[in-house]
Amino acid sequence: PQTNSLLLATRAGFFSGPDDFSTPFVKLPINV
């Protein structure tokens, strides 16, 4: 909520995007 975004954990890595789906999700370099 602090950034109004969603973080998706997928089989291809982690992706972030706005919670209103206004722009595509972008892959994040999360080293977990």
All heavy atoms as atom14 arrays in JSON, in Angstrom:
{
  "sequence": "PQTNSLLLATRAGFFSGPDDFSTPFVKLPINV",
  "atom14_mask": [
    [1, 1, 1, 1, 1, 1, 1, 0, 0, 0, 0, 0, 0, 0],
    [1, 1, 1, 1, 1, 1, 1, 1, 1, 0, 0, 0, 0, 0],
    [1, 1, 1, 1, 1, 1, 1, 0, 0, 0, 0, 0, 0, 0],
    [1, 1, 1, 1, 1, 1, 1, 1, 0, 0, 0, 0, 0, 0],
    [1, 1, 1, 1, 1, 1, 0, 0, 0, 0, 0, 0, 0, 0],
    [1, 1, 1, 1, 1, 1, 1, 1, 0, 0, 0, 0, 0, 0],
    [1, 1, 1, 1, 1, 1, 1, 1, 0, 0, 0, 0, 0, 0],
    [1, 1, 1, 1, 1, 1, 1, 1, 0, 0, 0, 0, 0, 0],
    [1, 1, 1, 1, 1, 0, 0, 0, 0, 0, 0, 0, 0, 0],
    [1, 1, 1, 1, 1, 1, 1, 0, 0, 0, 0, 0, 0, 0],
    [1, 1, 1, 1, 1, 1, 1, 1, 1, 1, 1, 0, 0, 0],
    [1, 1, 1, 1, 1, 0, 0, 0, 0, 0, 0, 0, 0, 0],
    [1, 1, 1, 1, 0, 0, 0, 0, 0, 0, 0, 0, 0, 0],
    [1, 1, 1, 1, 1, 1, 1, 1, 1, 1, 1, 0, 0, 0],
    [1, 1, 1, 1, 1, 1, 1, 1, 1, 1, 1, 0, 0, 0],
    [1, 1, 1, 1, 1, 1, 0, 0, 0, 0, 0, 0, 0, 0],
    [1, 1, 1, 1, 0, 0, 0, 0, 0, 0, 0, 0, 0, 0],
    [1, 1, 1, 1, 1, 1, 1, 0, 0, 0, 0, 0, 0, 0],
    [1, 1, 1, 1, 1, 1, 1, 1, 0, 0, 0, 0, 0, 0],
    [1, 1, 1, 1, 1, 1, 1, 1, 0, 0, 0, 0, 0, 0],
    [1, 1, 1, 1, 1, 1, 1, 1, 1, 1, 1, 0, 0, 0],
    [1, 1, 1, 1, 1, 1, 0, 0, 0, 0, 0, 0, 0, 0],
    [1, 1, 1, 1, 1, 1, 1, 0, 0, 0, 0, 0, 0, 0],
    [1, 1, 1, 1, 1, 1, 1, 0, 0, 0, 0, 0, 0, 0],
    [1, 1, 1, 1, 1, 1, 1, 1, 1, 1, 1, 0, 0, 0],
    [1, 1, 1, 1, 1, 1, 1, 0, 0, 0, 0, 0, 0, 0],
    [1, 1, 1, 1, 1, 1, 1, 1, 1, 0, 0, 0, 0, 0],
    [1, 1, 1, 1, 1, 1, 1, 1, 0, 0, 0, 0, 0, 0],
    [1, 1, 1, 1, 1, 1, 1, 0, 0, 0, 0, 0, 0, 0],
    [1, 1, 1, 1, 1, 1, 1, 1, 0, 0, 0, 0, 0, 0],
    [1, 1, 1, 1, 1, 1, 1, 1, 0, 0, 0, 0, 0, 0],
    [1, 1, 1, 1, 1, 1, 1, 0, 0, 0, 0, 0, 0, 0]
  ],
  "atom14_positions": [
    [[0.81, -1.23, 0.0], [0.0, 0.0, 0.0], [0.84, 1.27, 0.0], [0.39, 2.32, -0.48], [-0.82, -0.13, 1.29], [-0.08, -1.09, 2.15], [0.59, -2.04, 1.22], [0.0, 0.0, 0.0], [0.0, 0.0, 0.0], [0.0, 0.0, 0.0], [0.0, 0.0, 0.0], [0.0, 0.0, 0.0], [0.0, 0.0, 0.0], [0.0, 0.0, 0.0]],
    [[2.05, 1.23, 0.54], [2.88, 2.42, 0.6], [3.29, 2.9, -0.79], [3.59, 4.08, -0.99], [4.12, 2.19, 1.47], [5.08, 1.13, 0.96], [4.71, -0.25, 1.46], [3.56, -0.49, 1.81], [5.68, -1.15, 1.48], [0.0, 0.0, 0.0], [0.0, 0.0, 0.0], [0.0, 0.0, 0.0], [0.0, 0.0, 0.0], [0.0, 0.0, 0.0]],
    [[3.3, 2.0, -1.76], [3.64, 2.37, -3.15], [2.49, 2.09, -4.11], [2.67, 2.23, -5.33], [4.88, 1.6, -3.61], [4.64, 0.18, -3.5], [6.1, 1.96, -2.78], [0.0, 0.0, 0.0], [0.0, 0.0, 0.0], [0.0, 0.0, 0.0], [0.0, 0.0, 0.0], [0.0, 0.0, 0.0], [0.0, 0.0, 0.0], [0.0, 0.0, 0.0]],
    [[1.33, 1.67, -3.58], [0.17, 1.33, -4.42], [0.56, 0.36, -5.54], [0.22, 0.55, -6.71], [-0.45, 2.6, -5.03], [-1.05, 3.51, -3.99], [-1.67, 3.05, -3.03], [-0.84, 4.81, -4.15], [0.0, 0.0, 0.0], [0.0, 0.0, 0.0], [0.0, 0.0, 0.0], [0.0, 0.0, 0.0], [0.0, 0.0, 0.0], [0.0, 0.0, 0.0]],
    [[1.28, -0.68, -5.15], [1.77, -1.63, -6.15], [1.53, -3.06, -5.68], [1.23, -3.31, -4.51], [3.26, -1.41, -6.4], [4.01, -1.64, -5.21], [0.0, 0.0, 0.0], [0.0, 0.0, 0.0], [0.0, 0.0, 0.0], [0.0, 0.0, 0.0], [0.0, 0.0, 0.0], [0.0, 0.0, 0.0], [0.0, 0.0, 0.0], [0.0, 0.0, 0.0]],
    [[1.67, -3.98, -6.62], [1.54, -5.4, -6.35], [2.85, -6.09, -6.68], [3.51, -5.77, -7.68], [0.43, -6.02, -7.2], [-1.01, -5.62, -6.88], [-1.94, -6.08, -8.0], [-1.45, -6.21, -5.55], [0.0, 0.0, 0.0], [0.0, 0.0, 0.0], [0.0, 0.0, 0.0], [0.0, 0.0, 0.0], [0.0, 0.0, 0.0], [0.0, 0.0, 0.0]],
    [[3.25, -7.03, -5.83], [4.43, -7.85, -6.07], [3.96, -9.27, -6.34], [3.27, -9.87, -5.5], [5.37, -7.81, -4.87], [6.65, -8.63, -4.98], [7.52, -8.12, -6.11], [7.42, -8.61, -3.66], [0.0, 0.0, 0.0], [0.0, 0.0, 0.0], [0.0, 0.0, 0.0], [0.0, 0.0, 0.0], [0.0, 0.0, 0.0], [0.0, 0.0, 0.0]],
    [[4.29, -9.79, -7.51], [3.88, -11.13, -7.91], [5.08, -12.06, -7.86], [6.13, -11.76, -8.44], [3.31, -11.13, -9.33], [2.2, -10.14, -9.66], [1.72, -10.35, -11.1], [1.04, -10.26, -8.69], [0.0, 0.0, 0.0], [0.0, 0.0, 0.0], [0.0, 0.0, 0.0], [0.0, 0.0, 0.0], [0.0, 0.0, 0.0], [0.0, 0.0, 0.0]],
    [[4.94, -13.17, -7.15], [5.95, -14.23, -7.17], [5.49, -15.27, -8.18], [4.44, -15.89, -8.02], [6.1, -14.85, -5.79], [0.0, 0.0, 0.0], [0.0, 0.0, 0.0], [0.0, 0.0, 0.0], [0.0, 0.0, 0.0], [0.0, 0.0, 0.0], [0.0, 0.0, 0.0], [0.0, 0.0, 0.0], [0.0, 0.0, 0.0], [0.0, 0.0, 0.0]],
    [[6.27, -15.46, -9.23], [5.91, -16.37, -10.31], [7.02, -17.4, -10.51], [8.1, -17.31, -9.92], [5.69, -15.61, -11.63], [6.97, -15.26, -12.2], [4.88, -14.34, -11.41], [0.0, 0.0, 0.0], [0.0, 0.0, 0.0], [0.0, 0.0, 0.0], [0.0, 0.0, 0.0], [0.0, 0.0, 0.0], [0.0, 0.0, 0.0], [0.0, 0.0, 0.0]],
    [[6.75, -18.38, -11.38], [7.76, -19.39, -11.67], [8.91, -18.81, -12.48], [9.96, -19.45, -12.61], [7.13, -20.56, -12.42], [6.03, -21.29, -11.63], [6.58, -21.97, -10.42], [5.53, -22.47, -9.55], [5.03, -23.7, -9.61], [5.47, -24.55, -10.52], [4.08, -24.08, -8.77], [0.0, 0.0, 0.0], [0.0, 0.0, 0.0], [0.0, 0.0, 0.0]],
    [[8.73, -17.6, -13.02], [9.79, -16.95, -13.8], [10.46, -15.81, -13.04], [11.18, -15.02, -13.64], [9.22, -16.42, -15.12], [0.0, 0.0, 0.0], [0.0, 0.0, 0.0], [0.0, 0.0, 0.0], [0.0, 0.0, 0.0], [0.0, 0.0, 0.0], [0.0, 0.0, 0.0], [0.0, 0.0, 0.0], [0.0, 0.0, 0.0], [0.0, 0.0, 0.0]],
    [[10.2, -15.7, -11.73], [10.8, -14.64, -10.94], [9.75, -13.73, -10.32], [8.56, -14.05, -10.28], [0.0, 0.0, 0.0], [0.0, 0.0, 0.0], [0.0, 0.0, 0.0], [0.0, 0.0, 0.0], [0.0, 0.0, 0.0], [0.0, 0.0, 0.0], [0.0, 0.0, 0.0], [0.0, 0.0, 0.0], [0.0, 0.0, 0.0], [0.0, 0.0, 0.0]],
    [[10.2, -12.57, -9.84], [9.33, -11.63, -9.15], [9.04, -10.43, -10.06], [9.95, -9.9, -10.7], [9.99, -11.16, -7.85], [10.24, -12.26, -6.86], [11.42, -13.0, -6.9], [9.3, -12.58, -5.9], [11.66, -14.02, -6.0], [9.53, -13.6, -4.99], [10.71, -14.33, -5.05], [0.0, 0.0, 0.0], [0.0, 0.0, 0.0], [0.0, 0.0, 0.0]],
    [[7.76, -10.0, -10.07], [7.34, -8.89, -10.91], [6.56, -7.89, -10.07], [5.82, -8.26, -9.16], [6.47, -9.38, -12.07], [7.2, -10.22, -13.08], [7.46, -11.56, -12.83], [7.65, -9.66, -14.28], [8.12, -12.33, -13.76], [8.33, -10.43, -15.2], [8.56, -11.77, -14.95], [0.0, 0.0, 0.0], [0.0, 0.0, 0.0], [0.0, 0.0, 0.0]],
    [[6.71, -6.6, -10.42], [6.01, -5.54, -9.71], [5.26, -4.67, -10.7], [5.71, -4.43, -11.82], [7.0, -4.68, -8.92], [6.34, -3.63, -8.24], [0.0, 0.0, 0.0], [0.0, 0.0, 0.0], [0.0, 0.0, 0.0], [0.0, 0.0, 0.0], [0.0, 0.0, 0.0], [0.0, 0.0, 0.0], [0.0, 0.0, 0.0], [0.0, 0.0, 0.0]],
    [[4.07, -4.17, -10.25], [3.26, -3.3, -11.09], [2.23, -2.57, -10.26], [1.99, -2.92, -9.1], [0.0, 0.0, 0.0], [0.0, 0.0, 0.0], [0.0, 0.0, 0.0], [0.0, 0.0, 0.0], [0.0, 0.0, 0.0], [0.0, 0.0, 0.0], [0.0, 0.0, 0.0], [0.0, 0.0, 0.0], [0.0, 0.0, 0.0], [0.0, 0.0, 0.0]],
    [[1.59, -1.53, -10.81], [0.6, -0.76, -10.06], [-0.63, -1.6, -9.74], [-1.01, -2.49, -10.51], [0.25, 0.39, -11.01], [0.59, -0.12, -12.36], [1.77, -1.03, -12.19], [0.0, 0.0, 0.0], [0.0, 0.0, 0.0], [0.0, 0.0, 0.0], [0.0, 0.0, 0.0], [0.0, 0.0, 0.0], [0.0, 0.0, 0.0], [0.0, 0.0, 0.0]],
    [[-1.27, -1.31, -8.6], [-2.41, -2.12, -8.18], [-3.68, -1.81, -8.96], [-4.71, -2.45, -8.76], [-2.66, -1.98, -6.68], [-2.89, -0.54, -6.25], [-3.22, 0.3, -7.1], [-2.73, -0.25, -5.04], [0.0, 0.0, 0.0], [0.0, 0.0, 0.0], [0.0, 0.0, 0.0], [0.0, 0.0, 0.0], [0.0, 0.0, 0.0], [0.0, 0.0, 0.0]],
    [[-3.62, -0.81, -9.88], [-4.76, -0.57, -10.77], [-4.53, -1.15, -12.16], [-5.34, -0.94, -13.06], [-5.06, 0.93, -10.87], [-3.89, 1.73, -11.44], [-2.82, 1.12, -11.73], [-4.03, 2.96, -11.58], [0.0, 0.0, 0.0], [0.0, 0.0, 0.0], [0.0, 0.0, 0.0], [0.0, 0.0, 0.0], [0.0, 0.0, 0.0], [0.0, 0.0, 0.0]],
    [[-3.39, -1.88, -12.34], [-3.07, -2.58, -13.58], [-2.95, -1.62, -14.76], [-3.16, -2.01, -15.91], [-4.11, -3.66, -13.9], [-4.27, -4.7, -12.82], [-5.16, -4.51, -11.79], [-3.52, -5.86, -12.85], [-5.31, -5.45, -10.78], [-3.65, -6.82, -11.86], [-4.55, -6.61, -10.82], [0.0, 0.0, 0.0], [0.0, 0.0, 0.0], [0.0, 0.0, 0.0]],
    [[-2.6, -0.35, -14.5], [-2.54, 0.65, -15.56], [-1.33, 0.48, -16.47], [-1.35, 0.91, -17.63], [-2.55, 2.06, -14.96], [-1.47, 2.21, -14.04], [0.0, 0.0, 0.0], [0.0, 0.0, 0.0], [0.0, 0.0, 0.0], [0.0, 0.0, 0.0], [0.0, 0.0, 0.0], [0.0, 0.0, 0.0], [0.0, 0.0, 0.0], [0.0, 0.0, 0.0]],
    [[-0.26, -0.14, -15.95], [0.93, -0.39, -16.76], [1.36, -1.85, -16.57], [1.0, -2.49, -15.58], [2.09, 0.54, -16.36], [2.41, 0.33, -14.98], [1.71, 2.0, -16.58], [0.0, 0.0, 0.0], [0.0, 0.0, 0.0], [0.0, 0.0, 0.0], [0.0, 0.0, 0.0], [0.0, 0.0, 0.0], [0.0, 0.0, 0.0], [0.0, 0.0, 0.0]],
    [[2.15, -2.38, -17.5], [2.57, -3.79, -17.38], [3.46, -4.03, -16.15], [4.1, -3.11, -15.64], [3.35, -4.03, -18.68], [2.86, -2.97, -19.62], [2.55, -1.78, -18.77], [0.0, 0.0, 0.0], [0.0, 0.0, 0.0], [0.0, 0.0, 0.0], [0.0, 0.0, 0.0], [0.0, 0.0, 0.0], [0.0, 0.0, 0.0], [0.0, 0.0, 0.0]],
    [[3.48, -5.26, -15.71], [4.35, -5.67, -14.61], [5.79, -5.8, -15.11], [6.03, -6.28, -16.22], [3.88, -6.99, -14.01], [2.65, -6.86, -13.16], [1.39, -6.84, -13.73], [2.76, -6.74, -11.78], [0.26, -6.71, -12.95], [1.63, -6.61, -10.99], [0.38, -6.6, -11.57], [0.0, 0.0, 0.0], [0.0, 0.0, 0.0], [0.0, 0.0, 0.0]],
    [[6.72, -5.36, -14.26], [8.14, -5.34, -14.61], [8.89, -6.28, -13.68], [8.62, -6.32, -12.46], [8.71, -3.91, -14.5], [10.21, -3.91, -14.81], [7.96, -2.97, -15.44], [0.0, 0.0, 0.0], [0.0, 0.0, 0.0], [0.0, 0.0, 0.0], [0.0, 0.0, 0.0], [0.0, 0.0, 0.0], [0.0, 0.0, 0.0], [0.0, 0.0, 0.0]],
    [[9.83, -7.01, -14.23], [10.6, -7.97, -13.42], [11.55, -7.25, -12.48], [12.21, -6.27, -12.86], [11.38, -8.92, -14.32], [12.0, -10.1, -13.58], [12.56, -11.13, -14.53], [13.05, -12.35, -13.78], [13.57, -13.4, -14.69], [0.0, 0.0, 0.0], [0.0, 0.0, 0.0], [0.0, 0.0, 0.0], [0.0, 0.0, 0.0], [0.0, 0.0, 0.0]],
    [[11.63, -7.73, -11.24], [12.51, -7.16, -10.22], [13.69, -8.09, -9.96], [13.51, -9.32, -9.92], [11.75, -6.93, -8.92], [10.61, -5.9, -8.93], [10.02, -5.78, -7.53], [11.11, -4.54, -9.39], [0.0, 0.0, 0.0], [0.0, 0.0, 0.0], [0.0, 0.0, 0.0], [0.0, 0.0, 0.0], [0.0, 0.0, 0.0], [0.0, 0.0, 0.0]],
    [[14.87, -7.52, -9.72], [16.05, -8.37, -9.43], [16.11, -8.77, -7.96], [17.04, -8.42, -7.23], [17.22, -7.46, -9.81], [16.7, -6.08, -9.52], [15.23, -6.09, -9.86], [0.0, 0.0, 0.0], [0.0, 0.0, 0.0], [0.0, 0.0, 0.0], [0.0, 0.0, 0.0], [0.0, 0.0, 0.0], [0.0, 0.0, 0.0], [0.0, 0.0, 0.0]],
    [[15.1, -9.52, -7.51], [15.09, -9.97, -6.11], [15.96, -11.22, -6.0], [15.67, -12.25, -6.62], [13.65, -10.25, -5.64], [12.84, -8.96, -5.65], [13.65, -10.87, -4.25], [11.4, -9.12, -5.19], [0.0, 0.0, 0.0], [0.0, 0.0, 0.0], [0.0, 0.0, 0.0], [0.0, 0.0, 0.0], [0.0, 0.0, 0.0], [0.0, 0.0, 0.0]],
    [[17.02, -11.12, -5.21], [18.01, -12.19, -5.13], [17.67, -13.19, -4.04], [18.51, -13.52, -3.2], [19.4, -11.59, -4.89], [19.44, -10.76, -3.61], [18.41, -10.3, -3.14], [20.63, -10.58, -3.06], [0.0, 0.0, 0.0], [0.0, 0.0, 0.0], [0.0, 0.0, 0.0], [0.0, 0.0, 0.0], [0.0, 0.0, 0.0], [0.0, 0.0, 0.0]],
    [[16.44, -13.7, -4.05], [16.03, -14.71, -3.08], [15.93, -16.05, -3.79], [15.16, -16.19, -4.75], [14.67, -14.35, -2.45], [14.17, -15.49, -1.57], [14.78, -13.07, -1.65], [0.0, 0.0, 0.0], [0.0, 0.0, 0.0], [0.0, 0.0, 0.0], [0.0, 0.0, 0.0], [0.0, 0.0, 0.0], [0.0, 0.0, 0.0], [0.0, 0.0, 0.0]]
  ]
}
